[in-house]
Amino acid sequence: MKLETAAHILSKIGNPTRLKIVRLLVRTGEQGMTVGAIQKKLNIPGSTLTHHILNLKNANIIRQERQKASLYCILEYTQLNKLVAYLTEECCIDEKCS
């Protein structure tokens, strides 16, 4: 992952509400959660939630899938794992870890 990509993702998830959404979606696994369920769980107005979801989608941290009448938000684990790997890839490179 490039520095610019990591910075972009971090800028998009670096908001308390967006971080709550990401952490909630981590808990749901690969099945994701409907937009309505996220709204209820986090008590977020619909227009505000739409704004935050759009930011997360633009960072490729989540994707949305329609299943009949429901719109699901699903965490992009590959992208999130790449970000974590980028942040930790040089762990203890200058000193031994304890």
PDB file of N, CA and C in Angstrom:
ATOM      1  N   MET A   1       0.850  -1.173   0.000  1.00  0.00           N
ATOM      2  CA  MET A   1       0.000   0.000   0.000  1.00  0.00           C
ATOM      3  C   MET A   1       0.894   1.234   0.000  1.00  0.00           C
ATOM      4  N   LYS A   2       0.500   2.219  -0.744  1.00  0.00           N
ATOM      5  CA  LYS A   2       1.254   3.464  -0.810  1.00  0.00           C
ATOM      6  C   LYS A   2       0.865   4.381   0.346  1.00  0.00           C
ATOM      7  N   LEU A   3       1.793   5.237   0.710  1.00  0.00           N
ATOM      8  CA  LEU A   3       1.575   6.204   1.784  1.00  0.00           C
ATOM      9  C   LEU A   3       0.321   7.035   1.533  1.00  0.00           C
ATOM     10  N   GLU A   4       0.138   7.506   0.314  1.00  0.00           N
ATOM     11  CA  GLU A   4      -1.009   8.357  -0.024  1.00  0.00           C
ATOM     12  C   GLU A   4      -2.334   7.611   0.156  1.00  0.00           C
ATOM     13  N   THR A   5      -2.340   6.338  -0.213  1.00  0.00           N
ATOM     14  CA  THR A   5      -3.545   5.524  -0.047  1.00  0.00           C
ATOM     15  C   THR A   5      -3.870   5.343   1.426  1.00  0.00           C
ATOM     16  N   ALA A   6      -2.867   5.026   2.214  1.00  0.00           N
ATOM     17  CA  ALA A   6      -3.068   4.851   3.654  1.00  0.00           C
ATOM     18  C   ALA A   6      -3.560   6.141   4.290  1.00  0.00           C
ATOM     19  N   ALA A   7      -2.966   7.263   3.904  1.00  0.00           N
ATOM     20  CA  ALA A   7      -3.378   8.557   4.451  1.00  0.00           C
ATOM     21  C   ALA A   7      -4.824   8.873   4.081  1.00  0.00           C
ATOM     22  N   HIS A   8      -5.194   8.554   2.852  1.00  0.00           N
ATOM     23  CA  HIS A   8      -6.575   8.793   2.400  1.00  0.00           C
ATOM     24  C   HIS A   8      -7.564   7.966   3.229  1.00  0.00           C
ATOM     25  N   ILE A   9      -7.266   6.688   3.404  1.00  0.00           N
ATOM     26  CA  ILE A   9      -8.152   5.820   4.181  1.00  0.00           C
ATOM     27  C   ILE A   9      -8.249   6.306   5.622  1.00  0.00           C
ATOM     28  N   LEU A  10      -7.111   6.613   6.203  1.00  0.00           N
ATOM     29  CA  LEU A  10      -7.117   7.072   7.596  1.00  0.00           C
ATOM     30  C   LEU A  10      -7.886   8.380   7.754  1.00  0.00           C
ATOM     31  N   SER A  11      -7.808   9.254   6.760  1.00  0.00           N
ATOM     32  CA  SER A  11      -8.556  10.513   6.850  1.00  0.00           C
ATOM     33  C   SER A  11     -10.059  10.260   6.784  1.00  0.00           C
ATOM     34  N   LYS A  12     -10.449   9.219   6.064  1.00  0.00           N
ATOM     35  CA  LYS A  12     -11.876   8.907   5.941  1.00  0.00           C
ATOM     36  C   LYS A  12     -12.426   8.187   7.169  1.00  0.00           C
ATOM     37  N   ILE A  13     -11.632   7.324   7.791  1.00  0.00           N
ATOM     38  CA  ILE A  13     -12.137   6.632   8.982  1.00  0.00           C
ATOM     39  C   ILE A  13     -11.807   7.378  10.265  1.00  0.00           C
ATOM     40  N   GLY A  14     -11.045   8.455  10.150  1.00  0.00           N
ATOM     41  CA  GLY A  14     -10.631   9.221  11.321  1.00  0.00           C
ATOM     42  C   GLY A  14     -11.701  10.173  11.821  1.00  0.00           C
ATOM     43  N   ASN A  15     -12.891   9.677  11.966  1.00  0.00           N
ATOM     44  CA  ASN A  15     -14.036  10.429  12.460  1.00  0.00           C
ATOM     45  C   ASN A  15     -14.744   9.504  13.451  1.00  0.00           C
ATOM     46  N   PRO A  16     -15.157  10.002  14.606  1.00  0.00           N
ATOM     47  CA  PRO A  16     -15.757   9.112  15.605  1.00  0.00           C
ATOM     48  C   PRO A  16     -16.939   8.287  15.083  1.00  0.00           C
ATOM     49  N   THR A  17     -17.814   8.900  14.317  1.00  0.00           N
ATOM     50  CA  THR A  17     -18.978   8.169  13.811  1.00  0.00           C
ATOM     51  C   THR A  17     -18.561   7.114  12.804  1.00  0.00           C
ATOM     52  N   ARG A  18     -17.647   7.457  11.902  1.00  0.00           N
ATOM     53  CA  ARG A  18     -17.189   6.492  10.903  1.00  0.00           C
ATOM     54  C   ARG A  18     -16.446   5.336  11.553  1.00  0.00           C
ATOM     55  N   LEU A  19     -15.678   5.650  12.567  1.00  0.00           N
ATOM     56  CA  LEU A  19     -14.970   4.592  13.289  1.00  0.00           C
ATOM     57  C   LEU A  19     -15.970   3.662  13.986  1.00  0.00           C
ATOM     58  N   LYS A  20     -17.050   4.212  14.518  1.00  0.00           N
ATOM     59  CA  LYS A  20     -18.101   3.377  15.114  1.00  0.00           C
ATOM     60  C   LYS A  20     -18.720   2.461  14.065  1.00  0.00           C
ATOM     61  N   ILE A  21     -18.950   2.997  12.868  1.00  0.00           N
ATOM     62  CA  ILE A  21     -19.523   2.190  11.791  1.00  0.00           C
ATOM     63  C   ILE A  21     -18.576   1.056  11.417  1.00  0.00           C
ATOM     64  N   VAL A  22     -17.298   1.365  11.255  1.00  0.00           N
ATOM     65  CA  VAL A  22     -16.309   0.345  10.892  1.00  0.00           C
ATOM     66  C   VAL A  22     -16.261  -0.732  11.963  1.00  0.00           C
ATOM     67  N   ARG A  23     -16.191  -0.342  13.224  1.00  0.00           N
ATOM     68  CA  ARG A  23     -16.114  -1.319  14.306  1.00  0.00           C
ATOM     69  C   ARG A  23     -17.376  -2.171  14.387  1.00  0.00           C
ATOM     70  N   LEU A  24     -18.518  -1.565  14.127  1.00  0.00           N
ATOM     71  CA  LEU A  24     -19.775  -2.314  14.107  1.00  0.00           C
ATOM     72  C   LEU A  24     -19.763  -3.334  12.976  1.00  0.00           C
ATOM     73  N   LEU A  25     -19.298  -2.920  11.801  1.00  0.00           N
ATOM     74  CA  LEU A  25     -19.258  -3.840  10.665  1.00  0.00           C
ATOM     75  C   LEU A  25     -18.234  -4.951  10.860  1.00  0.00           C
ATOM     76  N   VAL A  26     -17.164  -4.684  11.587  1.00  0.00           N
ATOM     77  CA  VAL A  26     -16.201  -5.740  11.914  1.00  0.00           C
ATOM     78  C   VAL A  26     -16.912  -6.840  12.697  1.00  0.00           C
ATOM     79  N   ARG A  27     -17.786  -6.449  13.583  1.00  0.00           N
ATOM     80  CA  ARG A  27     -18.502  -7.416  14.419  1.00  0.00           C
ATOM     81  C   ARG A  27     -19.473  -8.272  13.616  1.00  0.00           C
ATOM     82  N   THR A  28     -19.961  -7.754  12.477  1.00  0.00           N
ATOM     83  CA  THR A  28     -20.960  -8.488  11.700  1.00  0.00           C
ATOM     84  C   THR A  28     -20.342  -9.500  10.751  1.00  0.00           C
ATOM     85  N   GLY A  29     -19.042  -9.405  10.522  1.00  0.00           N
ATOM     86  CA  GLY A  29     -18.381 -10.350   9.624  1.00  0.00           C
ATOM     87  C   GLY A  29     -18.726 -10.096   8.169  1.00  0.00           C
ATOM     88  N   GLU A  30     -18.606 -11.136   7.367  1.00  0.00           N
ATOM     89  CA  GLU A  30     -18.786 -11.046   5.914  1.00  0.00           C
ATOM     90  C   GLU A  30     -20.224 -10.746   5.499  1.00  0.00           C
ATOM     91  N   GLN A  31     -21.182 -10.992   6.368  1.00  0.00           N
ATOM     92  CA  GLN A  31     -22.580 -10.763   6.000  1.00  0.00           C
ATOM     93  C   GLN A  31     -22.944  -9.290   5.990  1.00  0.00           C
ATOM     94  N   GLY A  32     -22.206  -8.469   6.729  1.00  0.00           N
ATOM     95  CA  GLY A  32     -22.511  -7.048   6.781  1.00  0.00           C
ATOM     96  C   GLY A  32     -23.769  -6.750   7.572  1.00  0.00           C
ATOM     97  N   MET A  33     -24.276  -5.551   7.378  1.00  0.00           N
ATOM     98  CA  MET A  33     -25.454  -5.099   8.118  1.00  0.00           C
ATOM     99  C   MET A  33     -26.223  -4.124   7.244  1.00  0.00           C
ATOM    100  N   THR A  34     -27.526  -4.140   7.364  1.00  0.00           N
ATOM    101  CA  THR A  34     -28.324  -3.211   6.568  1.00  0.00           C
ATOM    102  C   THR A  34     -28.102  -1.786   7.063  1.00  0.00           C
ATOM    103  N   VAL A  35     -28.318  -0.857   6.158  1.00  0.00           N
ATOM    104  CA  VAL A  35     -28.190   0.558   6.508  1.00  0.00           C
ATOM    105  C   VAL A  35     -29.160   0.896   7.637  1.00  0.00           C
ATOM    106  N   GLY A  36     -30.363   0.369   7.555  1.00  0.00           N
ATOM    107  CA  GLY A  36     -31.362   0.620   8.602  1.00  0.00           C
ATOM    108  C   GLY A  36     -30.934   0.091   9.958  1.00  0.00           C
ATOM    109  N   ALA A  37     -30.309  -1.077   9.972  1.00  0.00           N
ATOM    110  CA  ALA A  37     -29.843  -1.659  11.243  1.00  0.00           C
ATOM    111  C   ALA A  37     -28.692  -0.833  11.820  1.00  0.00           C
ATOM    112  N   ILE A  38     -27.807  -0.345  10.949  1.00  0.00           N
ATOM    113  CA  ILE A  38     -26.711   0.523  11.417  1.00  0.00           C
ATOM    114  C   ILE A  38     -27.300   1.788  12.028  1.00  0.00           C
ATOM    115  N   GLN A  39     -28.280   2.345  11.344  1.00  0.00           N
ATOM    116  CA  GLN A  39     -28.915   3.575  11.819  1.00  0.00           C
ATOM    117  C   GLN A  39     -29.539   3.369  13.196  1.00  0.00           C
ATOM    118  N   LYS A  40     -30.247   2.264  13.365  1.00  0.00           N
ATOM    119  CA  LYS A  40     -30.874   1.977  14.660  1.00  0.00           C
ATOM    120  C   LYS A  40     -29.835   1.719  15.745  1.00  0.00           C
ATOM    121  N   LYS A  41     -28.841   0.908  15.424  1.00  0.00           N
ATOM    122  CA  LYS A  41     -27.831   0.521  16.415  1.00  0.00           C
ATOM    123  C   LYS A  41     -27.043   1.730  16.918  1.00  0.00           C
ATOM    124  N   LEU A  42     -26.694   2.645  15.996  1.00  0.00           N
ATOM    125  CA  LEU A  42     -25.872   3.797  16.373  1.00  0.00           C
ATOM    126  C   LEU A  42     -26.683   5.073  16.598  1.00  0.00           C
ATOM    127  N   ASN A  43     -27.991   4.984  16.384  1.00  0.00           N
ATOM    128  CA  ASN A  43     -28.878   6.132  16.589  1.00  0.00           C
ATOM    129  C   ASN A  43     -28.402   7.363  15.811  1.00  0.00           C
ATOM    130  N   ILE A  44     -28.236   7.169  14.501  1.00  0.00           N
ATOM    131  CA  ILE A  44     -27.742   8.220  13.610  1.00  0.00           C
ATOM    132  C   ILE A  44     -28.859   8.602  12.642  1.00  0.00           C
ATOM    133  N   PRO A  45     -29.108   9.892  12.443  1.00  0.00           N
ATOM    134  CA  PRO A  45     -30.096  10.292  11.434  1.00  0.00           C
ATOM    135  C   PRO A  45     -29.699   9.774  10.049  1.00  0.00           C
ATOM    136  N   GLY A  46     -30.686   9.441   9.240  1.00  0.00           N
ATOM    137  CA  GLY A  46     -30.445   8.859   7.933  1.00  0.00           C
ATOM    138  C   GLY A  46     -29.522   9.665   7.041  1.00  0.00           C
ATOM    139  N   SER A  47     -29.734  10.977   6.973  1.00  0.00           N
ATOM    140  CA  SER A  47     -28.905  11.815   6.095  1.00  0.00           C
ATOM    141  C   SER A  47     -27.457  11.855   6.584  1.00  0.00           C
ATOM    142  N   THR A  48     -27.275  11.847   7.880  1.00  0.00           N
ATOM    143  CA  THR A  48     -25.924  11.844   8.445  1.00  0.00           C
ATOM    144  C   THR A  48     -25.230  10.509   8.159  1.00  0.00           C
ATOM    145  N   LEU A  49     -25.968   9.434   8.315  1.00  0.00           N
ATOM    146  CA  LEU A  49     -25.411   8.111   8.053  1.00  0.00           C
ATOM    147  C   LEU A  49     -25.017   7.979   6.584  1.00  0.00           C
ATOM    148  N   THR A  50     -25.841   8.472   5.692  1.00  0.00           N
ATOM    149  CA  THR A  50     -25.532   8.434   4.261  1.00  0.00           C
ATOM    150  C   THR A  50     -24.214   9.131   3.976  1.00  0.00           C
ATOM    151  N   HIS A  51     -24.012  10.279   4.578  1.00  0.00           N
ATOM    152  CA  HIS A  51     -22.768  11.040   4.413  1.00  0.00           C
ATOM    153  C   HIS A  51     -21.556  10.218   4.869  1.00  0.00           C
ATOM    154  N   HIS A  52     -21.668   9.598   6.017  1.00  0.00           N
ATOM    155  CA  HIS A  52     -20.551   8.818   6.557  1.00  0.00           C
ATOM    156  C   HIS A  52     -20.294   7.559   5.724  1.00  0.00           C
ATOM    157  N   ILE A  53     -21.345   6.903   5.295  1.00  0.00           N
ATOM    158  CA  ILE A  53     -21.192   5.709   4.459  1.00  0.00           C
ATOM    159  C   ILE A  53     -20.513   6.076   3.145  1.00  0.00           C
ATOM    160  N   LEU A  54     -20.889   7.198   2.557  1.00  0.00           N
ATOM    161  CA  LEU A  54     -20.265   7.633   1.315  1.00  0.00           C
ATOM    162  C   LEU A  54     -18.759   7.833   1.489  1.00  0.00           C
ATOM    163  N   ASN A  55     -18.355   8.422   2.598  1.00  0.00           N
ATOM    164  CA  ASN A  55     -16.925   8.606   2.875  1.00  0.00           C
ATOM    165  C   ASN A  55     -16.206   7.271   3.004  1.00  0.00           C
ATOM    166  N   LEU A  56     -16.817   6.317   3.658  1.00  0.00           N
ATOM    167  CA  LEU A  56     -16.204   4.996   3.813  1.00  0.00           C
ATOM    168  C   LEU A  56     -16.147   4.248   2.490  1.00  0.00           C
ATOM    169  N   LYS A  57     -17.180   4.413   1.674  1.00  0.00           N
ATOM    170  CA  LYS A  57     -17.166   3.803   0.338  1.00  0.00           C
ATOM    171  C   LYS A  57     -16.069   4.417  -0.529  1.00  0.00           C
ATOM    172  N   ASN A  58     -15.913   5.730  -0.448  1.00  0.00           N
ATOM    173  CA  ASN A  58     -14.882   6.412  -1.243  1.00  0.00           C
ATOM    174  C   ASN A  58     -13.473   5.980  -0.859  1.00  0.00           C
ATOM    175  N   ALA A  59     -13.312   5.517   0.356  1.00  0.00           N
ATOM    176  CA  ALA A  59     -12.008   5.019   0.812  1.00  0.00           C
ATOM    177  C   ALA A  59     -11.870   3.515   0.569  1.00  0.00           C
ATOM    178  N   ASN A  60     -12.887   2.910  -0.048  1.00  0.00           N
ATOM    179  CA  ASN A  60     -12.905   1.463  -0.317  1.00  0.00           C
ATOM    180  C   ASN A  60     -12.796   0.623   0.953  1.00  0.00           C
ATOM    181  N   ILE A  61     -13.330   1.145   2.032  1.00  0.00           N
ATOM    182  CA  ILE A  61     -13.350   0.410   3.294  1.00  0.00           C
ATOM    183  C   ILE A  61     -14.628  -0.408   3.418  1.00  0.00           C
ATOM    184  N   ILE A  62     -15.699   0.068   2.792  1.00  0.00           N
ATOM    185  CA  ILE A  62     -16.940  -0.711   2.762  1.00  0.00           C
ATOM    186  C   ILE A  62     -17.466  -0.739   1.334  1.00  0.00           C
ATOM    187  N   ARG A  63     -18.317  -1.716   1.084  1.00  0.00           N
ATOM    188  CA  ARG A  63     -19.066  -1.768  -0.160  1.00  0.00           C
ATOM    189  C   ARG A  63     -20.527  -1.973   0.210  1.00  0.00           C
ATOM    190  N   GLN A  64     -21.401  -1.674  -0.716  1.00  0.00           N
ATOM    191  CA  GLN A  64     -22.819  -1.882  -0.477  1.00  0.00           C
ATOM    192  C   GLN A  64     -23.364  -2.870  -1.487  1.00  0.00           C
ATOM    193  N   GLU A  65     -24.232  -3.729  -1.008  1.00  0.00           N
ATOM    194  CA  GLU A  65     -24.898  -4.714  -1.854  1.00  0.00           C
ATOM    195  C   GLU A  65     -26.389  -4.684  -1.559  1.00  0.00           C
ATOM    196  N   ARG A  66     -27.163  -4.677  -2.623  1.00  0.00           N
ATOM    197  CA  ARG A  66     -28.612  -4.716  -2.462  1.00  0.00           C
ATOM    198  C   ARG A  66     -29.063  -6.173  -2.501  1.00  0.00           C
ATOM    199  N   GLN A  67     -29.861  -6.534  -1.509  1.00  0.00           N
ATOM    200  CA  GLN A  67     -30.465  -7.865  -1.451  1.00  0.00           C
ATOM    201  C   GLN A  67     -31.959  -7.653  -1.289  1.00  0.00           C
ATOM    202  N   LYS A  68     -32.656  -7.789  -2.396  1.00  0.00           N
ATOM    203  CA  LYS A  68     -34.093  -7.493  -2.477  1.00  0.00           C
ATOM    204  C   LYS A  68     -34.310  -6.038  -2.078  1.00  0.00           C
ATOM    205  N   ALA A  69     -35.039  -5.779  -1.015  1.00  0.00           N
ATOM    206  CA  ALA A  69     -35.336  -4.395  -0.635  1.00  0.00           C
ATOM    207  C   ALA A  69     -34.327  -3.821   0.355  1.00  0.00           C
ATOM    208  N   SER A  70     -33.348  -4.618   0.758  1.00  0.00           N
ATOM    209  CA  SER A  70     -32.399  -4.180   1.782  1.00  0.00           C
ATOM    210  C   SER A  70     -31.047  -3.826   1.172  1.00  0.00           C
ATOM    211  N   LEU A  71     -30.458  -2.763   1.686  1.00  0.00           N
ATOM    212  CA  LEU A  71     -29.125  -2.340   1.259  1.00  0.00           C
ATOM    213  C   LEU A  71     -28.152  -2.652   2.390  1.00  0.00           C
ATOM    214  N   TYR A  72     -27.195  -3.537   2.108  1.00  0.00           N
ATOM    215  CA  TYR A  72     -26.222  -3.980   3.099  1.00  0.00           C
ATOM    216  C   TYR A  72     -24.909  -3.235   2.940  1.00  0.00           C
ATOM    217  N   CYS A  73     -24.294  -2.913   4.063  1.00  0.00           N
ATOM    218  CA  CYS A  73     -22.933  -2.382   4.093  1.00  0.00           C
ATOM    219  C   CYS A  73     -22.045  -3.526   4.554  1.00  0.00           C
ATOM    220  N   ILE A  74     -20.986  -3.766   3.795  1.00  0.00           N
ATOM    221  CA  ILE A  74     -20.085  -4.879   4.089  1.00  0.00           C
ATOM    222  C   ILE A  74     -18.664  -4.346   4.137  1.00  0.00           C
ATOM    223  N   LEU A  75     -17.971  -4.678   5.188  1.00  0.00           N
ATOM    224  CA  LEU A  75     -16.600  -4.229   5.359  1.00  0.00           C
ATOM    225  C   LEU A  75     -15.692  -4.887   4.325  1.00  0.00           C
ATOM    226  N   GLU A  76     -14.810  -4.117   3.750  1.00  0.00           N
ATOM    227  CA  GLU A  76     -13.810  -4.635   2.812  1.00  0.00           C
ATOM    228  C   GLU A  76     -12.591  -5.060   3.635  1.00  0.00           C
ATOM    229  N   TYR A  77     -12.634  -6.294   4.110  1.00  0.00           N
ATOM    230  CA  TYR A  77     -11.578  -6.798   4.989  1.00  0.00           C
ATOM    231  C   TYR A  77     -10.208  -6.773   4.327  1.00  0.00           C
ATOM    232  N   THR A  78     -10.149  -7.042   3.033  1.00  0.00           N
ATOM    233  CA  THR A  78      -8.872  -7.033   2.334  1.00  0.00           C
ATOM    234  C   THR A  78      -8.225  -5.654   2.434  1.00  0.00           C
ATOM    235  N   GLN A  79      -8.998  -4.622   2.187  1.00  0.00           N
ATOM    236  CA  GLN A  79      -8.468  -3.258   2.247  1.00  0.00           C
ATOM    237  C   GLN A  79      -8.072  -2.889   3.679  1.00  0.00           C
ATOM    238  N   LEU A  80      -8.901  -3.241   4.630  1.00  0.00           N
ATOM    239  CA  LEU A  80      -8.600  -2.943   6.031  1.00  0.00           C
ATOM    240  C   LEU A  80      -7.343  -3.692   6.482  1.00  0.00           C
ATOM    241  N   ASN A  81      -7.211  -4.942   6.073  1.00  0.00           N
ATOM    242  CA  ASN A  81      -6.030  -5.720   6.435  1.00  0.00           C
ATOM    243  C   ASN A  81      -4.763  -5.158   5.791  1.00  0.00           C
ATOM    244  N   LYS A  82      -4.882  -4.662   4.562  1.00  0.00           N
ATOM    245  CA  LYS A  82      -3.739  -4.022   3.911  1.00  0.00           C
ATOM    246  C   LYS A  82      -3.307  -2.776   4.672  1.00  0.00           C
ATOM    247  N   LEU A  83      -4.279  -2.017   5.168  1.00  0.00           N
ATOM    248  CA  LEU A  83      -3.964  -0.820   5.944  1.00  0.00           C
ATOM    249  C   LEU A  83      -3.242  -1.193   7.234  1.00  0.00           C
ATOM    250  N   VAL A  84      -3.758  -2.168   7.944  1.00  0.00           N
ATOM    251  CA  VAL A  84      -3.122  -2.605   9.192  1.00  0.00           C
ATOM    252  C   VAL A  84      -1.715  -3.127   8.909  1.00  0.00           C
ATOM    253  N   ALA A  85      -1.563  -3.897   7.838  1.00  0.00           N
ATOM    254  CA  ALA A  85      -0.242  -4.423   7.479  1.00  0.00           C
ATOM    255  C   ALA A  85       0.721  -3.278   7.159  1.00  0.00           C
ATOM    256  N   TYR A  86       0.239  -2.270   6.446  1.00  0.00           N
ATOM    257  CA  TYR A  86       1.081  -1.122   6.121  1.00  0.00           C
ATOM    258  C   TYR A  86       1.543  -0.411   7.404  1.00  0.00           C
ATOM    259  N   LEU A  87       0.622  -0.254   8.345  1.00  0.00           N
ATOM    260  CA  LEU A  87       0.949   0.450   9.586  1.00  0.00           C
ATOM    261  C   LEU A  87       1.924  -0.320  10.462  1.00  0.00           C
ATOM    262  N   THR A  88       1.921  -1.637  10.345  1.00  0.00           N
ATOM    263  CA  THR A  88       2.736  -2.452  11.246  1.00  0.00           C
ATOM    264  C   THR A  88       3.907  -3.151  10.560  1.00  0.00           C
ATOM    265  N   GLU A  89       4.074  -2.961   9.257  1.00  0.00           N
ATOM    266  CA  GLU A  89       5.090  -3.733   8.526  1.00  0.00           C
ATOM    267  C   GLU A  89       6.524  -3.475   8.979  1.00  0.00           C
ATOM    268  N   GLU A  90       6.791  -2.364   9.590  1.00  0.00           N
ATOM    269  CA  GLU A  90       8.150  -2.083  10.040  1.00  0.00           C
ATOM    270  C   GLU A  90       8.291  -2.165  11.561  1.00  0.00           C
ATOM    271  N   CYS A  91       7.378  -2.928  12.157  1.00  0.00           N
ATOM    272  CA  CYS A  91       7.398  -3.098  13.612  1.00  0.00           C
ATOM    273  C   CYS A  91       8.759  -3.626  14.047  1.00  0.00           C
ATOM    274  N   CYS A  92       9.353  -2.961  14.993  1.00  0.00           N
ATOM    275  CA  CYS A  92      10.611  -3.367  15.617  1.00  0.00           C
ATOM    276  C   CYS A  92      11.789  -3.441  14.632  1.00  0.00           C
ATOM    277  N   ILE A  93      11.698  -2.760  13.523  1.00  0.00           N
ATOM    278  CA  ILE A  93      12.767  -2.814  12.526  1.00  0.00           C
ATOM    279  C   ILE A  93      14.049  -2.147  13.072  1.00  0.00           C
ATOM    280  N   ASP A  94      13.904  -1.152  13.892  1.00  0.00           N
ATOM    281  CA  ASP A  94      15.066  -0.447  14.447  1.00  0.00           C
ATOM    282  C   ASP A  94      15.509  -1.002  15.801  1.00  0.00           C
ATOM    283  N   GLU A  95      14.599  -1.677  16.483  1.00  0.00           N
ATOM    284  CA  GLU A  95      14.916  -2.244  17.795  1.00  0.00           C
ATOM    285  C   GLU A  95      14.172  -3.560  17.950  1.00  0.00           C
ATOM    286  N   LYS A  96      14.663  -4.399  18.798  1.00  0.00           N
ATOM    287  CA  LYS A  96      13.973  -5.648  19.070  1.00  0.00           C
ATOM    288  C   LYS A  96      12.697  -5.376  19.855  1.00  0.00           C
ATOM    289  N   CYS A  97      11.667  -6.115  19.527  1.00  0.00           N
ATOM    290  CA  CYS A  97      10.406  -5.997  20.289  1.00  0.00           C
ATOM    291  C   CYS A  97      10.552  -6.717  21.616  1.00  0.00           C
ATOM    292  N   SER A  98       9.896  -6.186  22.595  1.00  0.00           N
ATOM    293  CA  SER A  98       9.950  -6.843  23.909  1.00  0.00           C
ATOM    294  C   SER A  98       8.798  -7.783  24.083  1.00  0.00           C
TER     295      SER A  98
END
